Amino acid sequence: MNDDVKLNTWPEGWNEVIKTLAFLPDDKSRNEFLAAMVVFLAQM
């Protein structure tokens, strides 16, 4: 249950990112998703 408390302390929107990472099937998918997030954040 402690994980839920920690997740709620993340900034708005990061909960969805964490959930998405948890459901990706393998490391390659996770790396591609994280790379896309970095590019997205860099453009903000």
N, C-alpha and C. Protein backbone atom coordinates (compact mmCIF):
# COMPACT_ATOMS: atom_id res chain seq x y z
N MET A 1 0.82 -1.21 0.00
CA MET A 1 0.00 0.00 0.00
C MET A 1 0.86 1.26 0.00
N ASN A 2 2.08 1.16 0.48
CA ASN A 2 2.96 2.32 0.51
C ASN A 2 3.24 2.87 -0.88
N ASP A 3 3.24 1.99 -1.89
CA ASP A 3 3.50 2.44 -3.26
C ASP A 3 2.45 3.46 -3.70
N ASP A 4 1.19 3.23 -3.34
CA ASP A 4 0.12 4.15 -3.74
C ASP A 4 0.37 5.54 -3.15
N VAL A 5 0.82 5.58 -1.92
CA VAL A 5 1.08 6.87 -1.27
C VAL A 5 2.21 7.58 -2.00
N LYS A 6 3.27 6.86 -2.34
CA LYS A 6 4.39 7.46 -3.05
C LYS A 6 3.96 8.00 -4.41
N LEU A 7 3.16 7.22 -5.13
CA LEU A 7 2.74 7.65 -6.47
C LEU A 7 1.96 8.95 -6.40
N ASN A 8 1.17 9.10 -5.35
CA ASN A 8 0.34 10.31 -5.23
C ASN A 8 1.17 11.56 -4.98
N THR A 9 2.43 11.39 -4.59
CA THR A 9 3.28 12.55 -4.35
C THR A 9 3.94 13.04 -5.64
N TRP A 10 3.83 12.27 -6.71
CA TRP A 10 4.40 12.69 -7.99
C TRP A 10 3.58 13.84 -8.56
N PRO A 11 4.22 14.69 -9.38
CA PRO A 11 3.48 15.77 -10.02
C PRO A 11 2.34 15.22 -10.88
N GLU A 12 1.37 16.05 -11.13
CA GLU A 12 0.20 15.64 -11.91
C GLU A 12 0.65 15.08 -13.26
N GLY A 13 0.10 13.94 -13.64
CA GLY A 13 0.42 13.36 -14.94
C GLY A 13 1.43 12.22 -14.85
N TRP A 14 2.31 12.26 -13.88
CA TRP A 14 3.33 11.22 -13.79
C TRP A 14 2.74 9.88 -13.37
N ASN A 15 1.62 9.89 -12.67
CA ASN A 15 0.98 8.62 -12.30
C ASN A 15 0.67 7.81 -13.55
N GLU A 16 0.17 8.49 -14.60
CA GLU A 16 -0.16 7.80 -15.84
C GLU A 16 1.10 7.25 -16.51
N VAL A 17 2.18 8.02 -16.45
CA VAL A 17 3.44 7.55 -17.03
C VAL A 17 3.89 6.27 -16.33
N ILE A 18 3.82 6.27 -15.01
CA ILE A 18 4.26 5.11 -14.24
C ILE A 18 3.37 3.91 -14.55
N LYS A 19 2.06 4.12 -14.63
CA LYS A 19 1.15 3.02 -14.96
C LYS A 19 1.47 2.47 -16.34
N THR A 20 1.75 3.37 -17.31
CA THR A 20 2.06 2.92 -18.66
C THR A 20 3.33 2.08 -18.66
N LEU A 21 4.35 2.53 -17.96
CA LEU A 21 5.60 1.76 -17.89
C LEU A 21 5.36 0.38 -17.31
N ALA A 22 4.47 0.28 -16.34
CA ALA A 22 4.21 -1.00 -15.69
C ALA A 22 3.57 -1.99 -16.66
N PHE A 23 2.84 -1.48 -17.67
CA PHE A 23 2.12 -2.38 -18.57
C PHE A 23 2.88 -2.68 -19.85
N LEU A 24 4.00 -1.98 -20.12
CA LEU A 24 4.76 -2.27 -21.33
C LEU A 24 5.41 -3.65 -21.21
N PRO A 25 5.44 -4.40 -22.31
CA PRO A 25 5.81 -5.82 -22.24
C PRO A 25 7.30 -6.09 -22.03
N ASP A 26 8.18 -5.21 -22.50
CA ASP A 26 9.61 -5.53 -22.40
C ASP A 26 10.46 -4.26 -22.29
N ASP A 27 11.75 -4.46 -22.08
CA ASP A 27 12.65 -3.33 -21.87
C ASP A 27 12.74 -2.44 -23.10
N LYS A 28 12.68 -3.04 -24.30
CA LYS A 28 12.78 -2.23 -25.52
C LYS A 28 11.61 -1.25 -25.59
N SER A 29 10.42 -1.72 -25.28
CA SER A 29 9.24 -0.85 -25.29
C SER A 29 9.38 0.25 -24.25
N ARG A 30 9.86 -0.11 -23.07
CA ARG A 30 10.03 0.89 -22.01
C ARG A 30 11.04 1.95 -22.42
N ASN A 31 12.15 1.52 -23.02
CA ASN A 31 13.18 2.47 -23.44
C ASN A 31 12.64 3.42 -24.49
N GLU A 32 11.87 2.89 -25.45
CA GLU A 32 11.29 3.74 -26.49
C GLU A 32 10.30 4.73 -25.89
N PHE A 33 9.50 4.27 -24.94
CA PHE A 33 8.54 5.15 -24.29
C PHE A 33 9.25 6.26 -23.52
N LEU A 34 10.29 5.89 -22.77
CA LEU A 34 11.03 6.88 -21.99
C LEU A 34 11.73 7.88 -22.91
N ALA A 35 12.27 7.40 -24.03
CA ALA A 35 12.92 8.30 -24.98
C ALA A 35 11.91 9.29 -25.54
N ALA A 36 10.71 8.82 -25.84
CA ALA A 36 9.66 9.71 -26.34
C ALA A 36 9.28 10.74 -25.28
N MET A 37 9.23 10.32 -24.02
CA MET A 37 8.90 11.26 -22.94
C MET A 37 9.97 12.33 -22.80
N VAL A 38 11.24 11.94 -22.92
CA VAL A 38 12.34 12.90 -22.80
C VAL A 38 12.24 13.93 -23.91
N VAL A 39 11.98 13.48 -25.14
CA VAL A 39 11.84 14.41 -26.27
C VAL A 39 10.66 15.34 -26.03
N PHE A 40 9.55 14.78 -25.56
CA PHE A 40 8.36 15.58 -25.29
C PHE A 40 8.65 16.66 -24.24
N LEU A 41 9.30 16.25 -23.16
CA LEU A 41 9.60 17.21 -22.09
C LEU A 41 10.60 18.26 -22.55
N ALA A 42 11.54 17.87 -23.41
CA ALA A 42 12.54 18.82 -23.90
C ALA A 42 11.89 19.91 -24.76
N GLN A 43 10.78 19.57 -25.40
CA GLN A 43 10.11 20.53 -26.27
C GLN A 43 9.21 21.49 -25.50
N MET A 44 8.93 21.18 -24.25
CA MET A 44 8.03 22.03 -23.46
C MET A 44 8.72 23.32 -23.05
